[in-house]
Amino acid sequence: MRSNSFDGLRAATVIVALTAAMVLHIAAAENSQDEYARIADWRAKRLASLTSETGWLTPIALYWLKDGENGFGRAADRAFSLDDAALAADTGAFVLTNGRVRYLAHASKAMTYLGKPVTSIDLVSDADEKPTELLAGSLHFMLIERAGRLGIRVRDSVSPNRLRFKGLEYFPVRADWRIQARFESYVPEHRIPIVNILGMTEEMTSPGAIVFERDGRSWRLDAILEAPGDRELFVMFSDATSGKQTYGAGRFLYIGLPNADRIEVDFNEAFNPPCAFTDFATCPLPPRQNQLSLAIDAGELKYERAH
């Protein structure tokens, strides 16, 4: 009887263990499916943004303004010249005075704002939520501000980069790269010098560091708050895949704000900075403390531009 009882108990134990394993396997499969569906939606939104009329496939020029009048038009002798049929030889001028920029039309009404021809207008830079955007044919003009310098970035909705876009490629979605991490707040917040790809330096605010475990050790990334009141943290990082499978200067990641000292990080959402697609961006580079020796084989792969 004791033997039979023992065998029965052992069989029951095996059944319970197998059932638990099946439940865990099913839960893991469901989690993987949920992760795949969520990342598929994220990738679709990422693609729509990148390929839009003002996405990062469209910049064709960036001109840094000098004090005074910066003549602009189709003619080669203009300070800022673009050979486009929508422009006149002498279209107008961007006038920089005491840190403010005004566009003045010359003989041309090529430039419009909100659908109406512009003769004169003060420009609001992209440091504001609603920067001024001037249009001429398929061209979009915007004032940008970087490290105290002001420039005009031009986008073309029919740029060769956009027309020849070859699509994005990714590492396979991996649920284990969706990590429950720890958030270490900085009190007071740190001011971190961030150098961009043009060598300009700006100080940015870091409210804390994201700390996670991988391959038997702890890793940390300083997060940035781009503007007061933002509901996401911005992370610039490079890793052991940078310059190999992924873009050499590193990748970007947006993360929801922490809940107390916990924060969820999904490296499947790591994406290439604008400089992977255009020479007319001013991408910030990962600070030294965010340059990891860890291979993060998740997220967006290197993009090979069409020539």
Protein backbone atom coordinates (compact mmCIF):
# COMPACT_ATOMS: atom_id res chain seq x y z
CA MET A 1 0.00 0.00 0.00
CA ARG A 2 2.79 2.36 0.89
CA SER A 3 4.47 1.62 -2.42
CA ASN A 4 1.28 2.18 -4.36
CA SER A 5 0.63 5.38 -2.43
CA PHE A 6 4.13 6.60 -3.15
CA ASP A 7 3.79 5.81 -6.86
CA GLY A 8 0.48 7.61 -6.96
CA LEU A 9 1.95 10.63 -5.23
CA ARG A 10 4.91 10.66 -7.62
CA ALA A 11 2.57 10.44 -10.62
CA ALA A 12 0.45 13.27 -9.26
CA THR A 13 3.58 15.35 -8.69
CA VAL A 14 4.72 14.76 -12.25
CA ILE A 15 1.30 15.74 -13.59
CA VAL A 16 1.30 18.94 -11.51
CA ALA A 17 4.82 19.78 -12.70
CA LEU A 18 3.92 19.13 -16.35
CA THR A 19 0.74 21.19 -16.00
CA ALA A 20 2.69 24.08 -14.45
CA ALA A 21 5.26 23.87 -17.23
CA MET A 22 2.50 23.91 -19.87
CA VAL A 23 0.86 26.92 -18.20
CA LEU A 24 4.20 28.76 -18.13
CA HIS A 25 4.85 27.81 -21.78
CA ILE A 26 1.40 29.04 -22.82
CA ALA A 27 1.83 32.26 -20.79
CA ALA A 28 5.25 32.82 -22.38
CA ALA A 29 3.79 32.19 -25.85
CA GLU A 30 0.94 34.62 -25.16
CA ASN A 31 3.39 37.21 -23.87
CA SER A 32 5.52 36.74 -26.99
CA GLN A 33 2.45 37.13 -29.21
CA ASP A 34 1.39 40.26 -27.34
CA GLU A 35 4.90 41.65 -27.66
CA TYR A 36 5.02 40.87 -31.39
CA ALA A 37 1.62 42.53 -32.00
CA ARG A 38 2.61 45.59 -29.98
CA ILE A 39 5.96 45.93 -31.76
CA ALA A 40 4.30 45.43 -35.17
CA ASP A 41 2.05 48.40 -34.36
CA TRP A 42 5.05 50.44 -33.18
CA ARG A 43 6.96 49.65 -36.38
CA ALA A 44 4.00 50.70 -38.55
CA LYS A 45 3.85 54.08 -36.78
CA ARG A 46 7.64 54.44 -37.04
CA LEU A 47 7.48 53.80 -40.80
CA ALA A 48 4.60 56.24 -41.30
CA SER A 49 6.50 59.01 -39.49
CA LEU A 50 9.76 58.38 -41.33
CA THR A 51 8.14 58.32 -44.78
CA SER A 52 5.78 61.28 -44.26
CA GLU A 53 6.09 64.50 -46.28
CA THR A 54 8.20 66.02 -43.52
CA GLY A 55 9.88 62.82 -42.31
CA TRP A 56 13.63 62.29 -42.08
CA LEU A 57 13.87 61.05 -45.68
CA THR A 58 13.04 64.55 -46.96
CA PRO A 59 15.76 67.04 -45.79
CA ILE A 60 17.86 68.30 -48.72
CA ALA A 61 19.69 71.32 -47.28
CA LEU A 62 20.72 73.02 -44.04
CA TYR A 63 22.08 76.56 -44.06
CA TRP A 64 23.49 78.19 -40.91
CA LEU A 65 22.58 81.87 -40.84
CA LYS A 66 25.06 84.70 -40.47
CA ASP A 67 24.25 88.03 -38.84
CA GLY A 68 22.47 90.33 -41.25
CA GLU A 69 20.93 89.47 -44.59
CA ASN A 70 21.28 85.94 -46.00
CA GLY A 71 20.20 86.17 -49.64
CA PHE A 72 18.24 83.17 -50.86
CA GLY A 73 17.08 81.88 -54.23
CA ARG A 74 17.80 79.73 -57.24
CA ALA A 75 20.74 81.76 -58.51
CA ALA A 76 24.16 80.34 -57.66
CA ASP A 77 25.38 83.72 -56.36
CA ARG A 78 22.88 83.72 -53.46
CA ALA A 79 24.27 83.08 -49.97
CA PHE A 80 21.77 80.22 -49.74
CA SER A 81 21.09 78.68 -53.15
CA LEU A 82 18.73 75.88 -54.19
CA ASP A 83 18.21 74.91 -57.81
CA ASP A 84 14.48 74.25 -57.76
CA ALA A 85 11.87 75.34 -60.30
CA ALA A 86 9.58 76.62 -57.52
CA LEU A 87 12.10 79.35 -56.65
CA ALA A 88 13.07 82.60 -58.36
CA ALA A 89 16.70 83.53 -58.97
CA ASP A 90 16.41 86.04 -56.11
CA THR A 91 13.59 84.68 -53.97
CA GLY A 92 14.23 86.68 -50.81
CA ALA A 93 16.39 86.85 -47.71
CA PHE A 94 16.55 85.46 -44.19
CA VAL A 95 17.60 88.36 -41.97
CA LEU A 96 19.22 87.53 -38.62
CA THR A 97 19.20 90.38 -36.11
CA ASN A 98 19.81 90.07 -32.36
CA GLY A 99 18.93 86.39 -32.31
CA ARG A 100 15.69 86.83 -34.29
CA VAL A 101 15.07 85.86 -37.91
CA ARG A 102 12.75 87.52 -40.39
CA TYR A 103 12.04 86.35 -43.93
CA LEU A 104 11.75 89.13 -46.53
CA ALA A 105 10.48 88.39 -50.04
CA HIS A 106 12.21 90.16 -52.90
CA ALA A 107 10.61 90.14 -56.34
CA SER A 108 9.12 86.70 -55.87
CA LYS A 109 5.92 85.41 -54.25
CA ALA A 110 7.21 81.83 -54.31
CA MET A 111 7.17 81.42 -50.53
CA THR A 112 3.83 80.89 -48.80
CA TYR A 113 2.65 80.56 -45.22
CA LEU A 114 -0.67 78.86 -44.41
CA GLY A 115 -1.48 78.92 -48.11
CA LYS A 116 -0.87 82.66 -48.66
CA PRO A 117 2.10 84.39 -50.32
CA VAL A 118 4.58 85.87 -47.86
CA THR A 119 6.14 89.30 -48.22
CA SER A 120 7.56 89.50 -44.69
CA ILE A 121 7.29 87.28 -41.63
CA ASP A 122 9.09 86.69 -38.32
CA LEU A 123 10.10 83.03 -38.00
CA VAL A 124 9.49 80.91 -34.92
CA SER A 125 12.15 78.20 -34.53
CA ASP A 126 11.73 74.50 -33.84
CA ALA A 127 12.52 75.23 -30.18
CA ASP A 128 8.81 76.12 -30.03
CA GLU A 129 6.00 73.56 -30.26
CA LYS A 130 4.63 75.38 -33.33
CA PRO A 131 7.52 76.56 -35.52
CA THR A 132 6.86 78.60 -38.65
CA GLU A 133 6.88 76.55 -41.84
CA LEU A 134 7.24 78.26 -45.22
CA LEU A 135 6.41 76.41 -48.43
CA ALA A 136 7.48 76.73 -52.05
CA GLY A 137 6.23 73.97 -54.35
CA SER A 138 7.32 70.69 -52.73
CA LEU A 139 9.87 72.49 -50.50
CA HIS A 140 9.36 73.08 -46.76
CA PHE A 141 11.51 75.67 -44.92
CA MET A 142 11.94 75.77 -41.14
CA LEU A 143 14.13 77.73 -38.75
CA ILE A 144 16.08 75.47 -36.38
CA GLU A 145 18.04 76.36 -33.26
CA ARG A 146 21.02 74.31 -32.05
CA ALA A 147 23.44 75.29 -29.27
CA GLY A 148 22.68 78.97 -29.80
CA ARG A 149 23.04 78.82 -33.61
CA LEU A 150 20.18 79.41 -36.04
CA GLY A 151 19.77 77.75 -39.41
CA ILE A 152 17.26 77.04 -42.15
CA ARG A 153 16.50 73.40 -42.87
CA VAL A 154 14.84 72.58 -46.18
CA ARG A 155 12.78 69.45 -46.78
CA ASP A 156 11.52 68.24 -50.14
CA SER A 157 8.50 65.94 -50.17
CA VAL A 158 9.77 64.41 -53.45
CA SER A 159 13.40 64.10 -52.38
CA PRO A 160 15.43 61.25 -53.91
CA ASN A 161 15.85 59.71 -50.43
CA ARG A 162 12.10 59.46 -50.02
CA LEU A 163 11.42 58.23 -53.55
CA ARG A 164 14.16 55.56 -53.33
CA PHE A 165 13.43 54.45 -49.78
CA LYS A 166 14.15 50.74 -49.42
CA GLY A 167 12.32 50.03 -46.17
CA LEU A 168 13.48 49.28 -42.63
CA GLU A 169 14.93 46.07 -41.26
CA TYR A 170 14.96 44.84 -37.66
CA PHE A 171 16.32 42.17 -35.41
CA PRO A 172 13.65 39.53 -34.68
CA VAL A 173 11.27 40.62 -31.92
CA ARG A 174 12.45 39.21 -28.59
CA ALA A 175 10.26 39.34 -25.50
CA ASP A 176 13.34 39.02 -23.27
CA TRP A 177 14.52 42.46 -24.41
CA ARG A 178 11.41 43.97 -22.80
CA ILE A 179 12.95 44.58 -19.40
CA GLN A 180 11.58 45.61 -16.02
CA ALA A 181 14.35 47.93 -14.87
CA ARG A 182 15.10 50.12 -11.87
CA PHE A 183 15.03 53.90 -12.08
CA GLU A 184 17.55 55.78 -9.97
CA SER A 185 16.42 59.40 -9.63
CA TYR A 186 18.96 62.20 -9.57
CA VAL A 187 18.21 64.75 -6.85
CA PRO A 188 18.85 67.37 -7.96
CA GLU A 189 18.54 66.56 -11.67
CA HIS A 190 21.83 66.31 -13.54
CA ARG A 191 22.81 68.62 -16.37
CA ILE A 192 24.63 66.50 -18.97
CA PRO A 193 26.70 67.92 -21.87
CA ILE A 194 25.51 66.32 -25.10
CA VAL A 195 27.59 66.69 -28.28
CA ASN A 196 25.82 66.46 -31.62
CA ILE A 197 27.16 65.04 -34.87
CA LEU A 198 28.32 68.53 -35.94
CA GLY A 199 30.39 68.98 -32.78
CA MET A 200 27.98 71.41 -31.10
CA THR A 201 27.46 70.94 -27.37
CA GLU A 202 24.24 71.49 -25.45
CA GLU A 203 23.44 70.76 -21.83
CA MET A 204 20.39 68.53 -21.36
CA THR A 205 18.47 67.56 -18.24
CA SER A 206 18.73 64.01 -16.88
CA PRO A 207 16.20 63.16 -14.15
CA GLY A 208 17.86 59.82 -13.47
CA ALA A 209 19.41 56.58 -14.71
CA ILE A 210 17.83 53.35 -15.95
CA VAL A 211 19.53 50.33 -14.38
CA PHE A 212 18.95 46.81 -15.70
CA GLU A 213 20.46 43.34 -15.42
CA ARG A 214 21.84 41.43 -18.38
CA ASP A 215 24.47 38.73 -18.86
CA GLY A 216 25.16 38.52 -15.15
CA ARG A 217 25.86 42.19 -14.49
CA SER A 218 24.20 45.59 -14.09
CA TRP A 219 24.05 48.19 -16.85
CA ARG A 220 22.91 51.80 -16.65
CA LEU A 221 21.78 54.46 -19.07
CA ASP A 222 21.27 58.14 -18.31
CA ALA A 223 17.83 59.23 -19.51
CA ILE A 224 17.02 62.72 -20.82
CA LEU A 225 13.94 64.85 -20.34
CA GLU A 226 13.77 66.83 -23.59
CA ALA A 227 11.30 69.43 -22.30
CA PRO A 228 9.52 70.16 -19.01
CA GLY A 229 6.24 68.25 -18.80
CA ASP A 230 7.25 65.54 -21.28
CA ARG A 231 5.58 62.16 -20.69
CA GLU A 232 8.50 60.18 -22.08
CA LEU A 233 12.21 59.87 -21.39
CA PHE A 234 14.72 60.01 -24.23
CA VAL A 235 17.73 57.69 -24.28
CA MET A 236 20.72 57.81 -26.64
CA PHE A 237 22.90 54.72 -26.52
CA SER A 238 25.48 52.74 -28.44
CA ASP A 239 26.33 49.09 -27.87
CA ALA A 240 28.44 46.22 -29.20
CA THR A 241 26.30 46.02 -32.37
CA SER A 242 26.98 49.70 -33.28
CA GLY A 243 28.88 50.02 -36.56
CA LYS A 244 28.20 46.35 -37.31
CA GLN A 245 24.55 45.30 -37.47
CA THR A 246 23.32 48.73 -36.34
CA TYR A 247 24.05 52.39 -37.08
CA GLY A 248 27.57 53.33 -36.02
CA ALA A 249 26.73 56.43 -33.98
CA GLY A 250 24.19 54.58 -31.86
CA ARG A 251 20.43 54.42 -31.58
CA PHE A 252 17.57 56.23 -29.83
CA LEU A 253 14.82 55.00 -27.53
CA TYR A 254 11.75 56.63 -25.97
CA ILE A 255 10.53 55.20 -22.67
CA GLY A 256 7.46 55.95 -20.55
CA LEU A 257 8.03 57.73 -17.26
CA PRO A 258 8.91 55.52 -14.27
CA ASN A 259 6.42 54.29 -11.71
CA ALA A 260 8.21 55.12 -8.46
CA ASP A 261 11.58 53.38 -8.86
CA ARG A 262 10.45 50.92 -11.56
CA ILE A 263 10.53 51.50 -15.31
CA GLU A 264 9.85 49.31 -18.33
CA VAL A 265 12.38 49.38 -21.17
CA ASP A 266 11.72 47.70 -24.51
CA PHE A 267 14.84 47.57 -26.66
CA ASN A 268 12.73 46.17 -29.52
CA GLU A 269 11.75 49.84 -29.98
CA ALA A 270 15.33 51.08 -30.41
CA PHE A 271 15.55 53.04 -33.66
CA ASN A 272 18.07 54.78 -35.89
CA PRO A 273 18.65 58.53 -35.44
CA PRO A 274 17.81 60.88 -38.33
CA CYS A 275 21.50 61.02 -39.37
CA ALA A 276 21.21 57.43 -40.57
CA PHE A 277 18.94 58.75 -43.35
CA THR A 278 20.16 62.27 -44.14
CA ASP A 279 23.25 64.47 -44.02
CA PHE A 280 21.09 67.45 -42.96
CA ALA A 281 20.24 66.44 -39.40
CA THR A 282 21.96 67.45 -36.15
CA CYS A 283 21.72 64.21 -34.17
CA PRO A 284 22.87 64.18 -30.54
CA LEU A 285 25.43 61.48 -29.78
CA PRO A 286 25.28 59.08 -26.82
CA PRO A 287 27.23 60.42 -23.83
CA ARG A 288 30.19 58.30 -22.73
CA GLN A 289 28.24 56.69 -19.88
CA ASN A 290 25.64 55.41 -22.40
CA GLN A 291 28.18 53.64 -24.61
CA LEU A 292 27.70 50.01 -23.58
CA SER A 293 29.89 47.00 -24.32
CA LEU A 294 26.73 44.88 -24.18
CA ALA A 295 25.34 43.58 -27.51
CA ILE A 296 21.70 44.71 -27.68
CA ASP A 297 20.46 42.53 -30.54
CA ALA A 298 17.00 44.06 -30.67
CA GLY A 299 15.42 46.95 -32.54
CA GLU A 300 16.25 48.63 -35.83
CA LEU A 301 19.16 47.49 -38.00
CA LYS A 302 21.56 49.66 -40.01
CA TYR A 303 19.98 51.43 -43.00
CA GLU A 304 21.91 51.35 -46.29
CA ARG A 305 21.03 54.46 -48.24
CA ALA A 306 20.26 54.21 -51.96
CA HIS A 307 22.76 55.95 -54.25
